Amino acid sequence: MGGSKFLSALIDTTDEVIQANDLVQSFIIACSDESSDLETGNNKCRIRMPYAFTLTAVRASVNTAPTGSTISIQITEAGSDILSTPITIDASELTSVSAAAAPVISDNSLADDAIIGIDLDQVGSSNAGTGLKVTLIGYKTTVG
């Protein structure tokens, strides 16, 4: 009997972990085609949020690394910046995960049906990079 109580407790704990992990979601936004050089500008791509979302992390990646300078990416909600420190991809890197400066989220509450825009503030100076994807990581905000 003591063994079944332990097994029951283990199963309950495992179920809770699985349920908590199921809450984490990500949106991967393709912000360019796969091979053309990136160009600076606002609203290089936009999506509408399918529901209210709490943003916990952001990252970006490219197919071809920038050279000469970094890529700098701002995310906007309804035209307002949501990052106080933009996402950067360092020169000769393919991802923001290893960037010297980590992005800082200043507004983590994305509203249902909000327009989310991706601005490219800087691209590599010698080679701009290609194939940009931006990932929003977080969870659906529970209402009520």
C-alpha atoms as a PDB file:
ATOM      1  CA  MET A   1       0.000   0.000   0.000  1.00  0.00           C
ATOM      2  CA  GLY A   2       2.811   2.392   0.844  1.00  0.00           C
ATOM      3  CA  GLY A   3       4.183   1.855  -2.682  1.00  0.00           C
ATOM      4  CA  SER A   4       0.907   2.808  -4.347  1.00  0.00           C
ATOM      5  CA  LYS A   5       0.762   6.065  -2.365  1.00  0.00           C
ATOM      6  CA  PHE A   6       4.264   6.904  -3.588  1.00  0.00           C
ATOM      7  CA  LEU A   7       3.344   6.035  -7.177  1.00  0.00           C
ATOM      8  CA  SER A   8       0.160   8.102  -6.913  1.00  0.00           C
ATOM      9  CA  ALA A   9       2.125  11.105  -5.595  1.00  0.00           C
ATOM     10  CA  LEU A  10       4.683  10.709  -8.395  1.00  0.00           C
ATOM     11  CA  ILE A  11       1.962  10.601 -11.039  1.00  0.00           C
ATOM     12  CA  ASP A  12       0.245  13.673  -9.585  1.00  0.00           C
ATOM     13  CA  THR A  13       3.531  15.592  -9.558  1.00  0.00           C
ATOM     14  CA  THR A  14       4.329  14.535 -13.130  1.00  0.00           C
ATOM     15  CA  ASP A  15       0.865  15.615 -14.291  1.00  0.00           C
ATOM     16  CA  GLU A  16       1.389  19.048 -12.737  1.00  0.00           C
ATOM     17  CA  VAL A  17       4.751  19.456 -14.484  1.00  0.00           C
ATOM     18  CA  ILE A  18       3.323  18.416 -17.821  1.00  0.00           C
ATOM     19  CA  GLN A  19       0.394  20.809 -17.418  1.00  0.00           C
ATOM     20  CA  ALA A  20       2.701  23.697 -16.476  1.00  0.00           C
ATOM     21  CA  ASN A  21       4.953  23.037 -19.492  1.00  0.00           C
ATOM     22  CA  ASP A  22       1.907  22.891 -21.762  1.00  0.00           C
ATOM     23  CA  LEU A  23       1.268  26.567 -20.955  1.00  0.00           C
ATOM     24  CA  VAL A  24       4.501  27.725 -22.621  1.00  0.00           C
ATOM     25  CA  GLN A  25       3.886  28.674 -26.227  1.00  0.00           C
ATOM     26  CA  SER A  26       5.848  30.367 -28.972  1.00  0.00           C
ATOM     27  CA  PHE A  27       5.085  32.245 -32.143  1.00  0.00           C
ATOM     28  CA  ILE A  28       7.775  32.134 -34.821  1.00  0.00           C
ATOM     29  CA  ILE A  29       7.378  35.041 -37.219  1.00  0.00           C
ATOM     30  CA  ALA A  30       9.107  34.919 -40.615  1.00  0.00           C
ATOM     31  CA  CYS A  31      10.165  38.515 -41.292  1.00  0.00           C
ATOM     32  CA  SER A  32      11.768  38.073 -44.718  1.00  0.00           C
ATOM     33  CA  ASP A  33      12.205  35.546 -47.450  1.00  0.00           C
ATOM     34  CA  GLU A  34      14.997  33.018 -47.026  1.00  0.00           C
ATOM     35  CA  SER A  35      17.672  34.526 -49.292  1.00  0.00           C
ATOM     36  CA  SER A  36      17.222  38.284 -49.907  1.00  0.00           C
ATOM     37  CA  ASP A  37      19.332  40.770 -47.937  1.00  0.00           C
ATOM     38  CA  LEU A  38      17.547  42.305 -44.956  1.00  0.00           C
ATOM     39  CA  GLU A  39      16.720  46.018 -45.127  1.00  0.00           C
ATOM     40  CA  THR A  40      16.023  48.456 -42.310  1.00  0.00           C
ATOM     41  CA  GLY A  41      12.508  49.799 -41.780  1.00  0.00           C
ATOM     42  CA  ASN A  42       9.423  49.713 -39.604  1.00  0.00           C
ATOM     43  CA  ASN A  43       6.749  47.014 -39.796  1.00  0.00           C
ATOM     44  CA  LYS A  44       8.844  44.664 -41.921  1.00  0.00           C
ATOM     45  CA  CYS A  45       6.207  42.130 -40.954  1.00  0.00           C
ATOM     46  CA  ARG A  46       3.098  42.220 -38.760  1.00  0.00           C
ATOM     47  CA  ILE A  47       0.795  39.702 -37.112  1.00  0.00           C
ATOM     48  CA  ARG A  48      -2.343  39.955 -34.976  1.00  0.00           C
ATOM     49  CA  MET A  49      -2.306  38.224 -31.613  1.00  0.00           C
ATOM     50  CA  PRO A  50      -4.896  35.420 -31.556  1.00  0.00           C
ATOM     51  CA  TYR A  51      -5.484  35.972 -27.812  1.00  0.00           C
ATOM     52  CA  ALA A  52      -4.068  37.900 -24.858  1.00  0.00           C
ATOM     53  CA  PHE A  53      -0.493  36.758 -24.259  1.00  0.00           C
ATOM     54  CA  THR A  54       2.122  37.286 -21.550  1.00  0.00           C
ATOM     55  CA  LEU A  55       5.546  37.588 -23.133  1.00  0.00           C
ATOM     56  CA  THR A  56       8.401  35.990 -21.159  1.00  0.00           C
ATOM     57  CA  ALA A  57      11.211  35.879 -23.741  1.00  0.00           C
ATOM     58  CA  VAL A  58      12.090  36.888 -27.294  1.00  0.00           C
ATOM     59  CA  ARG A  59      14.769  35.747 -29.698  1.00  0.00           C
ATOM     60  CA  ALA A  60      15.713  35.982 -33.351  1.00  0.00           C
ATOM     61  CA  SER A  61      17.687  34.019 -35.908  1.00  0.00           C
ATOM     62  CA  VAL A  62      18.913  34.394 -39.481  1.00  0.00           C
ATOM     63  CA  ASN A  63      19.960  32.005 -42.235  1.00  0.00           C
ATOM     64  CA  THR A  64      23.008  34.103 -43.180  1.00  0.00           C
ATOM     65  CA  ALA A  65      24.926  35.957 -40.477  1.00  0.00           C
ATOM     66  CA  PRO A  66      25.370  39.734 -40.665  1.00  0.00           C
ATOM     67  CA  THR A  67      28.911  41.053 -41.042  1.00  0.00           C
ATOM     68  CA  GLY A  68      30.353  44.448 -40.216  1.00  0.00           C
ATOM     69  CA  SER A  69      27.732  45.231 -37.560  1.00  0.00           C
ATOM     70  CA  THR A  70      24.828  43.714 -35.649  1.00  0.00           C
ATOM     71  CA  ILE A  71      21.211  43.290 -36.612  1.00  0.00           C
ATOM     72  CA  SER A  72      18.944  45.239 -34.228  1.00  0.00           C
ATOM     73  CA  ILE A  73      15.266  44.322 -33.964  1.00  0.00           C
ATOM     74  CA  GLN A  74      12.454  46.150 -32.153  1.00  0.00           C
ATOM     75  CA  ILE A  75       9.030  44.604 -31.528  1.00  0.00           C
ATOM     76  CA  THR A  76       6.003  46.887 -31.351  1.00  0.00           C
ATOM     77  CA  GLU A  77       2.445  46.506 -30.123  1.00  0.00           C
ATOM     78  CA  ALA A  78       0.057  48.896 -31.886  1.00  0.00           C
ATOM     79  CA  GLY A  79       3.086  51.005 -32.892  1.00  0.00           C
ATOM     80  CA  SER A  80       4.641  51.269 -29.401  1.00  0.00           C
ATOM     81  CA  ASP A  81       7.975  49.625 -28.561  1.00  0.00           C
ATOM     82  CA  ILE A  82       7.733  46.688 -26.157  1.00  0.00           C
ATOM     83  CA  LEU A  83      11.496  46.218 -25.735  1.00  0.00           C
ATOM     84  CA  SER A  84      13.634  48.699 -23.794  1.00  0.00           C
ATOM     85  CA  THR A  85      16.717  46.885 -25.146  1.00  0.00           C
ATOM     86  CA  PRO A  86      16.153  45.534 -28.657  1.00  0.00           C
ATOM     87  CA  ILE A  87      16.972  42.032 -29.839  1.00  0.00           C
ATOM     88  CA  THR A  88      20.417  41.920 -31.449  1.00  0.00           C
ATOM     89  CA  ILE A  89      22.206  39.371 -33.555  1.00  0.00           C
ATOM     90  CA  ASP A  90      25.938  40.023 -33.364  1.00  0.00           C
ATOM     91  CA  ALA A  91      28.125  40.175 -36.461  1.00  0.00           C
ATOM     92  CA  SER A  92      29.047  36.680 -37.722  1.00  0.00           C
ATOM     93  CA  GLU A  93      26.337  35.051 -35.514  1.00  0.00           C
ATOM     94  CA  LEU A  94      23.126  33.283 -36.578  1.00  0.00           C
ATOM     95  CA  THR A  95      21.083  33.799 -33.400  1.00  0.00           C
ATOM     96  CA  SER A  96      20.355  36.368 -30.714  1.00  0.00           C
ATOM     97  CA  VAL A  97      20.772  33.710 -28.003  1.00  0.00           C
ATOM     98  CA  SER A  98      24.524  34.336 -27.893  1.00  0.00           C
ATOM     99  CA  ALA A  99      24.327  38.154 -28.335  1.00  0.00           C
ATOM    100  CA  ALA A 100      26.498  40.417 -26.187  1.00  0.00           C
ATOM    101  CA  ALA A 101      23.398  42.400 -25.125  1.00  0.00           C
ATOM    102  CA  ALA A 102      20.284  40.488 -24.081  1.00  0.00           C
ATOM    103  CA  PRO A 103      16.885  41.941 -25.043  1.00  0.00           C
ATOM    104  CA  VAL A 104      14.828  43.506 -22.250  1.00  0.00           C
ATOM    105  CA  ILE A 105      11.023  43.300 -22.354  1.00  0.00           C
ATOM    106  CA  SER A 106       9.443  46.490 -20.990  1.00  0.00           C
ATOM    107  CA  ASP A 107       5.818  45.636 -21.873  1.00  0.00           C
ATOM    108  CA  ASN A 108       5.056  41.938 -21.519  1.00  0.00           C
ATOM    109  CA  SER A 109       1.239  42.084 -21.835  1.00  0.00           C
ATOM    110  CA  LEU A 110       0.142  41.657 -25.443  1.00  0.00           C
ATOM    111  CA  ALA A 111      -3.559  42.286 -25.955  1.00  0.00           C
ATOM    112  CA  ASP A 112      -5.956  40.017 -27.813  1.00  0.00           C
ATOM    113  CA  ASP A 113      -6.077  41.076 -31.504  1.00  0.00           C
ATOM    114  CA  ALA A 114      -3.188  43.553 -31.045  1.00  0.00           C
ATOM    115  CA  ILE A 115      -1.045  44.271 -34.084  1.00  0.00           C
ATOM    116  CA  ILE A 116       2.512  43.126 -33.419  1.00  0.00           C
ATOM    117  CA  GLY A 117       5.121  44.687 -35.712  1.00  0.00           C
ATOM    118  CA  ILE A 118       8.761  43.891 -36.314  1.00  0.00           C
ATOM    119  CA  ASP A 119      11.087  46.852 -36.990  1.00  0.00           C
ATOM    120  CA  LEU A 120      14.619  46.401 -38.300  1.00  0.00           C
ATOM    121  CA  ASP A 121      16.614  49.300 -36.895  1.00  0.00           C
ATOM    122  CA  GLN A 122      20.003  48.077 -38.106  1.00  0.00           C
ATOM    123  CA  VAL A 123      21.314  45.318 -40.349  1.00  0.00           C
ATOM    124  CA  GLY A 124      24.893  44.224 -40.913  1.00  0.00           C
ATOM    125  CA  SER A 125      26.975  46.848 -42.719  1.00  0.00           C
ATOM    126  CA  SER A 126      29.072  44.587 -44.978  1.00  0.00           C
ATOM    127  CA  ASN A 127      26.503  41.803 -45.263  1.00  0.00           C
ATOM    128  CA  ALA A 128      22.962  42.436 -44.039  1.00  0.00           C
ATOM    129  CA  GLY A 129      22.027  38.845 -43.282  1.00  0.00           C
ATOM    130  CA  THR A 130      19.086  36.874 -44.702  1.00  0.00           C
ATOM    131  CA  GLY A 131      16.125  34.776 -43.572  1.00  0.00           C
ATOM    132  CA  LEU A 132      15.087  36.559 -40.362  1.00  0.00           C
ATOM    133  CA  LYS A 133      12.743  34.844 -37.905  1.00  0.00           C
ATOM    134  CA  VAL A 134      11.588  36.383 -34.615  1.00  0.00           C
ATOM    135  CA  THR A 135      10.242  34.172 -31.827  1.00  0.00           C
ATOM    136  CA  LEU A 136       7.828  35.349 -29.118  1.00  0.00           C
ATOM    137  CA  ILE A 137       7.787  33.034 -26.081  1.00  0.00           C
ATOM    138  CA  GLY A 138       5.246  33.144 -23.258  1.00  0.00           C
ATOM    139  CA  TYR A 139       1.810  31.933 -22.343  1.00  0.00           C
ATOM    140  CA  LYS A 140      -1.837  32.625 -23.046  1.00  0.00           C
ATOM    141  CA  THR A 141      -3.162  35.094 -20.487  1.00  0.00           C
ATOM    142  CA  THR A 142      -6.073  33.692 -18.533  1.00  0.00           C
ATOM    143  CA  VAL A 143      -9.041  36.033 -18.470  1.00  0.00           C
ATOM    144  CA  GLY A 144     -11.359  36.178 -15.487  1.00  0.00           C
END
